[in-house]
Amino acid sequence: MFFSGRVDANTRFRYGSLTKPVTASAIIVLVNKGKLSYQSGLADSLGFDVAPSVNQGLSGVTIKNLLLHRSGIQGQIFLNREKPSCPDGLGSYMAEGKVKRNGDFEYSNMGYCLLGEVLAHKTGHSYEQAIEQLYGLSNRGMLFVGYERQHDEVKRDFRFNDFYGVNNKGRFDYKSVAATAGLSGSASAYSLLIREMIGKTGGDILGGFDAGCDDSSFKHCYGFGFYSYAPKAAERLMVKEGYMPGASGVVVINEEKEVFVWLGNSDTENSARGEAMREFLIMLGRAGF
C-alpha cells in the first residue's frame, strides 16, 4: 500500500470466470437469432460428425447442458505442462472425449471452452473476434489476458494461494482459457457490459433455472449465466464469482436488475468453502445497492 499507485475507476483486474456469462450471453444471442438451439447437439454445433456408436456420451451433449454445467464433459484446460484439447485438439477430443453423469451438475471450464468454439464455428470468426464484434470490448477497455500483466493491470497478490506466486503466475494456454476466464478490465466497464448483455439477450441470460430449484440454498441453483441465491430476509440475487491465480471478483444482480461488481487483486482465503461469500451476499441483500 505504500508503494503502489491508487486504484481508480479504470484500473484493470482479471475477471476470471466472470468471463463465462459473457460467453453464455453470446450463445443466447445466437439462439434468439435462430442460428442455434438450446437442444442442438455439441457435435453438430461444432461441425463434427460423431456417430453415437463411436462416442455415445458426447453425441448426447446439448448446448443447454453446457450452459448449465450439466454436460458431464470431462477434461481440463488450466494445464501448466500439457496442451489442452480445446480448442486446438477438438478432432481427437470429439472422437475420444469422456462424459459422465450427463444431466447432473458439475462445474466445467472445458464445457465453456467448447461453447467458445461453438460461437467461433457459427460466426466464422475466432472466439475473441466474435465477442469483440458483439460487444465492442476494446472500446470498453477490455482485453484478453496473458501470462504477463498489462501496464495498467493491478499487481496480483498471491498470499492466500498455496501453489501460485510471483514467480509462478500460471503459464496456462491463454487461448484455451479465453472463453471461460480470459477477460480483464475495470469493475465499472464490466457492470455496464452486464447491462448490455441483459438487453441483448432479452433478459434470457438471467434465466435457465429448473422450476423446482431451491435458491434458498447457497450455490444450489445454476442458470445460464449465474447462480440464484435468495437468503432469508433478503431478495433474490443473481451471482457469479470469478477467480484466477492472484485475482478474485463477484458480480451480483438484484431483482431490479441493478448491478454490483467487486474485483480484487488477491485470492480469497478459504474460497472453496464459500462461507465468506454466503455471508457477504446475505449482508448485500439486506443492505441493497
Protein backbone atom coordinates (compact mmCIF):
# COMPACT_ATOMS: atom_id res chain seq x y z
CA MET A 1 0.00 0.00 0.00
CA PHE A 2 2.98 2.33 0.47
CA PHE A 3 4.49 1.78 -2.97
CA SER A 4 1.60 1.13 -5.38
CA GLY A 5 -0.49 3.73 -7.13
CA ARG A 6 -4.10 4.15 -6.12
CA VAL A 7 -6.73 2.13 -7.92
CA ASP A 8 -9.36 4.16 -9.75
CA ALA A 9 -12.42 3.61 -11.94
CA ASN A 10 -10.25 2.44 -14.84
CA THR A 11 -7.88 0.07 -13.03
CA ARG A 12 -7.61 -3.27 -14.83
CA PHE A 13 -8.32 -6.50 -12.96
CA ARG A 14 -8.52 -10.08 -14.18
CA TYR A 15 -12.16 -11.15 -14.40
CA GLY A 16 -11.54 -14.89 -14.21
CA SER A 17 -14.81 -16.79 -14.52
CA LEU A 18 -16.78 -13.57 -14.76
CA THR A 19 -15.95 -14.19 -18.43
CA LYS A 20 -18.39 -17.13 -18.52
CA PRO A 21 -21.60 -15.02 -18.53
CA VAL A 22 -20.15 -13.08 -21.49
CA THR A 23 -19.69 -16.35 -23.40
CA ALA A 24 -23.14 -17.56 -22.35
CA SER A 25 -24.81 -14.34 -23.49
CA ALA A 26 -23.19 -14.62 -26.94
CA ILE A 27 -24.54 -18.16 -27.28
CA ILE A 28 -28.01 -16.98 -26.20
CA VAL A 29 -27.89 -14.22 -28.84
CA LEU A 30 -27.29 -16.92 -31.47
CA VAL A 31 -30.21 -18.94 -30.10
CA ASN A 32 -32.53 -15.93 -30.19
CA LYS A 33 -31.47 -15.24 -33.79
CA GLY A 34 -32.36 -18.81 -34.77
CA LYS A 35 -28.76 -19.76 -35.60
CA LEU A 36 -28.60 -22.28 -32.78
CA SER A 37 -30.94 -24.14 -30.44
CA TYR A 38 -30.59 -24.98 -26.77
CA GLN A 39 -31.20 -28.59 -27.82
CA SER A 40 -28.58 -28.50 -30.57
CA GLY A 41 -26.01 -31.25 -30.15
CA LEU A 42 -22.43 -30.32 -29.40
CA ALA A 43 -21.01 -32.28 -32.34
CA ASP A 44 -23.37 -30.69 -34.87
CA SER A 45 -22.78 -27.24 -33.38
CA LEU A 46 -19.03 -27.67 -33.88
CA GLY A 47 -19.37 -29.16 -37.36
CA PHE A 48 -18.25 -32.65 -36.35
CA ASP A 49 -19.86 -35.91 -37.46
CA VAL A 50 -19.77 -38.09 -34.35
CA ALA A 51 -21.72 -41.30 -34.64
CA PRO A 52 -23.45 -42.45 -31.43
CA SER A 53 -21.84 -45.87 -31.86
CA VAL A 54 -18.38 -44.24 -31.75
CA ASN A 55 -18.91 -41.87 -28.85
CA GLN A 56 -22.28 -42.29 -27.21
CA GLY A 57 -21.54 -39.80 -24.42
CA LEU A 58 -20.59 -36.75 -26.47
CA SER A 59 -23.35 -37.36 -29.01
CA GLY A 60 -25.95 -36.65 -26.29
CA VAL A 61 -24.45 -33.38 -25.03
CA THR A 62 -26.52 -30.28 -25.88
CA ILE A 63 -25.84 -26.55 -25.81
CA LYS A 64 -28.17 -26.23 -22.83
CA ASN A 65 -26.24 -28.93 -20.95
CA LEU A 66 -23.04 -26.94 -21.47
CA LEU A 67 -24.55 -23.61 -20.42
CA LEU A 68 -25.90 -25.12 -17.20
CA HIS A 69 -22.74 -27.11 -16.36
CA ARG A 70 -24.78 -30.30 -16.74
CA SER A 71 -23.00 -31.92 -19.68
CA GLY A 72 -20.77 -34.30 -17.73
CA ILE A 73 -17.95 -33.24 -20.08
CA GLN A 74 -14.55 -34.32 -18.76
CA GLY A 75 -11.22 -32.61 -19.34
CA GLN A 76 -9.11 -29.72 -18.06
CA ILE A 77 -7.95 -26.51 -19.72
CA PHE A 78 -5.96 -24.96 -16.87
CA LEU A 79 -2.83 -27.02 -17.55
CA ASN A 80 0.73 -25.83 -17.00
CA ARG A 81 2.67 -28.52 -18.85
CA GLU A 82 0.27 -30.18 -21.28
CA LYS A 83 -1.58 -28.76 -24.26
CA PRO A 84 -5.36 -28.68 -23.60
CA SER A 85 -7.50 -30.50 -26.14
CA CYS A 86 -9.73 -27.43 -26.52
CA PRO A 87 -9.59 -25.57 -28.83
CA ASP A 88 -6.66 -26.94 -30.87
CA GLY A 89 -7.26 -30.66 -30.42
CA LEU A 90 -11.03 -30.82 -30.92
CA GLY A 91 -10.85 -33.55 -33.57
CA SER A 92 -9.29 -36.01 -31.16
CA TYR A 93 -11.44 -34.81 -28.27
CA MET A 94 -14.69 -35.29 -30.18
CA ALA A 95 -13.60 -38.80 -31.08
CA GLU A 96 -12.38 -39.78 -27.63
CA GLY A 97 -13.77 -37.27 -25.10
CA LYS A 98 -15.33 -38.65 -21.95
CA VAL A 99 -18.72 -37.85 -20.46
CA LYS A 100 -20.11 -38.96 -17.12
CA ARG A 101 -23.44 -38.25 -15.43
CA ASN A 102 -24.91 -36.18 -18.27
CA GLY A 103 -27.64 -34.08 -16.63
CA ASP A 104 -26.01 -33.79 -13.20
CA PHE A 105 -24.39 -30.54 -12.17
CA GLU A 106 -20.59 -30.49 -12.45
CA TYR A 107 -18.90 -27.12 -12.90
CA SER A 108 -16.90 -27.31 -16.14
CA ASN A 109 -14.29 -24.99 -17.60
CA MET A 110 -13.90 -27.40 -20.51
CA GLY A 111 -17.61 -27.02 -21.27
CA TYR A 112 -17.24 -23.26 -21.65
CA CYS A 113 -14.17 -23.60 -23.85
CA LEU A 114 -16.34 -25.78 -26.10
CA LEU A 115 -19.09 -23.15 -26.06
CA GLY A 116 -16.49 -20.61 -27.17
CA GLU A 117 -15.65 -22.84 -30.12
CA VAL A 118 -19.35 -23.23 -30.95
CA LEU A 119 -19.54 -19.43 -31.12
CA ALA A 120 -16.46 -19.36 -33.36
CA HIS A 121 -17.86 -22.03 -35.68
CA LYS A 122 -21.26 -20.39 -36.01
CA THR A 123 -19.91 -16.88 -36.62
CA GLY A 124 -16.92 -17.78 -38.78
CA HIS A 125 -14.59 -15.81 -36.50
CA SER A 126 -12.35 -16.71 -33.61
CA TYR A 127 -13.97 -16.58 -30.18
CA GLU A 128 -12.13 -13.37 -29.36
CA GLN A 129 -13.17 -11.71 -32.63
CA ALA A 130 -16.80 -12.79 -32.22
CA ILE A 131 -17.03 -11.31 -28.72
CA GLU A 132 -15.32 -8.12 -29.88
CA GLN A 133 -17.83 -7.70 -32.71
CA LEU A 134 -20.80 -8.37 -30.45
CA TYR A 135 -19.82 -6.15 -27.52
CA GLY A 136 -17.01 -3.83 -28.67
CA LEU A 137 -14.68 -4.88 -25.87
CA SER A 138 -11.79 -2.67 -26.98
CA ASN A 139 -13.98 0.42 -26.67
CA ARG A 140 -14.71 -0.64 -23.09
CA GLY A 141 -11.02 -1.00 -22.25
CA MET A 142 -11.38 -4.79 -22.00
CA LEU A 143 -8.62 -7.17 -23.09
CA PHE A 144 -7.88 -10.89 -23.10
CA VAL A 145 -5.18 -11.70 -20.57
CA GLY A 146 -1.86 -13.48 -20.97
CA TYR A 147 0.84 -14.67 -18.64
CA GLU A 148 2.35 -11.21 -18.26
CA ARG A 149 0.21 -8.38 -16.90
CA GLN A 150 -0.72 -5.31 -18.90
CA HIS A 151 0.87 -1.95 -17.98
CA ASP A 152 -2.43 -0.74 -16.47
CA GLU A 153 -3.24 -4.02 -14.71
CA VAL A 154 -3.22 -4.19 -10.93
CA LYS A 155 -0.41 -6.23 -9.43
CA ARG A 156 -1.69 -9.56 -8.17
CA ASP A 157 -1.28 -10.71 -4.57
CA PHE A 158 -0.66 -14.44 -4.04
CA ARG A 159 -0.56 -14.60 -0.24
CA PHE A 160 -3.65 -16.80 0.01
CA ASN A 161 -2.65 -19.16 -2.82
CA ASP A 162 -0.94 -22.41 -1.82
CA PHE A 163 0.55 -23.09 -5.24
CA TYR A 164 0.90 -19.98 -7.41
CA GLY A 165 3.08 -16.99 -6.59
CA VAL A 166 5.00 -14.07 -8.05
CA ASN A 167 7.45 -16.48 -9.74
CA ASN A 168 4.77 -18.94 -10.85
CA LYS A 169 1.74 -16.98 -12.00
CA GLY A 170 0.17 -19.72 -14.12
CA ARG A 171 1.58 -20.46 -17.55
CA PHE A 172 -1.74 -21.58 -18.96
CA ASP A 173 -2.61 -21.80 -22.63
CA TYR A 174 -4.42 -18.47 -22.59
CA LYS A 175 -6.13 -19.21 -25.91
CA SER A 176 -7.73 -22.22 -24.23
CA VAL A 177 -8.93 -20.26 -21.20
CA ALA A 178 -10.23 -17.26 -23.21
CA ALA A 179 -13.92 -18.25 -23.21
CA THR A 180 -14.01 -19.33 -19.59
CA ALA A 181 -11.70 -16.92 -17.73
CA GLY A 182 -9.87 -14.80 -20.29
CA LEU A 183 -11.10 -11.24 -19.91
CA SER A 184 -9.75 -8.29 -17.95
CA GLY A 185 -10.96 -4.74 -17.40
CA SER A 186 -12.41 -2.43 -14.79
CA ALA A 187 -15.33 -3.04 -12.46
CA SER A 188 -17.38 -0.20 -13.99
CA ALA A 189 -16.78 -1.47 -17.54
CA TYR A 190 -17.96 -4.93 -16.53
CA SER A 191 -21.11 -3.63 -14.83
CA LEU A 192 -22.05 -1.67 -17.96
CA LEU A 193 -21.37 -4.75 -20.10
CA ILE A 194 -23.71 -6.78 -17.90
CA ARG A 195 -26.50 -4.26 -18.51
CA GLU A 196 -25.96 -4.57 -22.27
CA MET A 197 -25.86 -8.37 -22.06
CA ILE A 198 -29.23 -8.38 -20.32
CA GLY A 199 -30.65 -6.21 -23.10
CA LYS A 200 -29.13 -8.18 -26.00
CA THR A 201 -30.46 -11.46 -24.65
CA GLY A 202 -33.90 -10.11 -23.79
CA GLY A 203 -33.17 -10.96 -20.17
CA ASP A 204 -32.59 -14.63 -21.01
CA ILE A 205 -29.08 -14.53 -19.56
CA LEU A 206 -30.79 -14.29 -16.15
CA GLY A 207 -32.81 -17.47 -16.78
CA GLY A 208 -32.33 -21.19 -17.34
CA PHE A 209 -33.19 -22.34 -13.82
CA ASP A 210 -35.08 -25.54 -13.05
CA ALA A 211 -38.67 -24.89 -11.99
CA GLY A 212 -38.24 -26.61 -8.62
CA CYS A 213 -34.81 -25.22 -7.81
CA ASP A 214 -34.39 -24.23 -4.14
CA ASP A 215 -32.44 -20.98 -4.27
CA SER A 216 -32.58 -20.52 -0.50
CA SER A 217 -29.65 -22.97 -0.51
CA PHE A 218 -26.29 -21.45 -1.36
CA LYS A 219 -24.91 -22.34 -4.82
CA HIS A 220 -27.72 -24.78 -5.42
CA CYS A 221 -29.45 -23.16 -8.41
CA TYR A 222 -27.37 -22.56 -11.54
CA GLY A 223 -28.84 -20.93 -14.63
CA PHE A 224 -27.42 -19.88 -17.98
CA GLY A 225 -25.04 -17.26 -16.65
CA PHE A 226 -25.44 -17.03 -12.86
CA TYR A 227 -26.48 -18.91 -9.79
CA SER A 228 -29.56 -17.72 -7.94
CA TYR A 229 -29.49 -17.13 -4.20
CA ALA A 230 -32.38 -15.89 -2.06
CA PRO A 231 -31.33 -15.93 1.60
CA LYS A 232 -33.94 -15.33 4.27
CA ALA A 233 -34.84 -11.67 4.82
CA ALA A 234 -33.16 -10.74 1.54
CA GLU A 235 -34.23 -10.52 -2.07
CA ARG A 236 -33.34 -12.94 -4.84
CA LEU A 237 -29.86 -12.31 -6.25
CA MET A 238 -28.14 -13.46 -9.44
CA VAL A 239 -24.49 -14.18 -8.65
CA LYS A 240 -21.31 -15.16 -10.48
CA GLU A 241 -17.88 -15.42 -8.90
CA GLY A 242 -14.57 -15.27 -10.72
CA TYR A 243 -11.10 -16.48 -9.76
CA MET A 244 -7.66 -16.61 -11.34
CA PRO A 245 -4.35 -17.05 -9.51
CA GLY A 246 -3.93 -13.83 -7.56
CA ALA A 247 -7.31 -12.41 -8.53
CA SER A 248 -10.95 -12.73 -7.49
CA GLY A 249 -14.26 -11.00 -8.10
CA VAL A 250 -18.03 -11.24 -7.99
CA VAL A 251 -20.98 -9.76 -9.85
CA VAL A 252 -24.42 -9.58 -8.22
CA ILE A 253 -27.67 -8.56 -9.93
CA ASN A 254 -30.78 -7.84 -7.90
CA GLU A 255 -34.46 -8.11 -8.81
CA GLU A 256 -34.47 -4.55 -10.16
CA LYS A 257 -31.59 -5.54 -12.50
CA GLU A 258 -29.20 -3.27 -10.64
CA VAL A 259 -25.61 -4.48 -10.95
CA PHE A 260 -22.95 -4.70 -8.24
CA VAL A 261 -19.37 -5.64 -9.18
CA TRP A 262 -16.43 -6.16 -6.83
CA LEU A 263 -12.95 -7.01 -8.12
CA GLY A 264 -9.86 -7.80 -6.07
CA ASN A 265 -6.17 -8.46 -6.68
CA SER A 266 -5.75 -11.47 -4.42
CA ASP A 267 -7.06 -14.95 -3.86
CA THR A 268 -9.85 -15.23 -1.32
CA GLU A 269 -8.88 -17.22 1.77
CA ASN A 270 -10.94 -20.43 2.09
CA SER A 271 -12.93 -19.51 -1.03
CA ALA A 272 -13.73 -23.16 -1.80
CA ARG A 273 -15.91 -23.42 1.32
CA GLY A 274 -17.86 -20.34 0.26
CA GLU A 275 -18.85 -19.29 3.78
CA ALA A 276 -17.44 -15.77 3.45
CA MET A 277 -19.24 -15.25 0.14
CA ARG A 278 -22.51 -16.57 1.55
CA GLU A 279 -22.35 -14.13 4.47
CA PHE A 280 -21.37 -11.30 2.14
CA LEU A 281 -24.39 -11.96 -0.10
CA ILE A 282 -26.73 -12.04 2.89
CA MET A 283 -25.46 -8.64 4.01
CA LEU A 284 -25.62 -7.24 0.48
CA GLY A 285 -29.18 -8.49 0.03
CA ARG A 286 -30.28 -6.83 3.26
CA ALA A 287 -28.49 -3.54 2.61
CA GLY A 288 -29.40 -3.17 -1.05
CA PHE A 289 -27.32 -1.41 -3.67
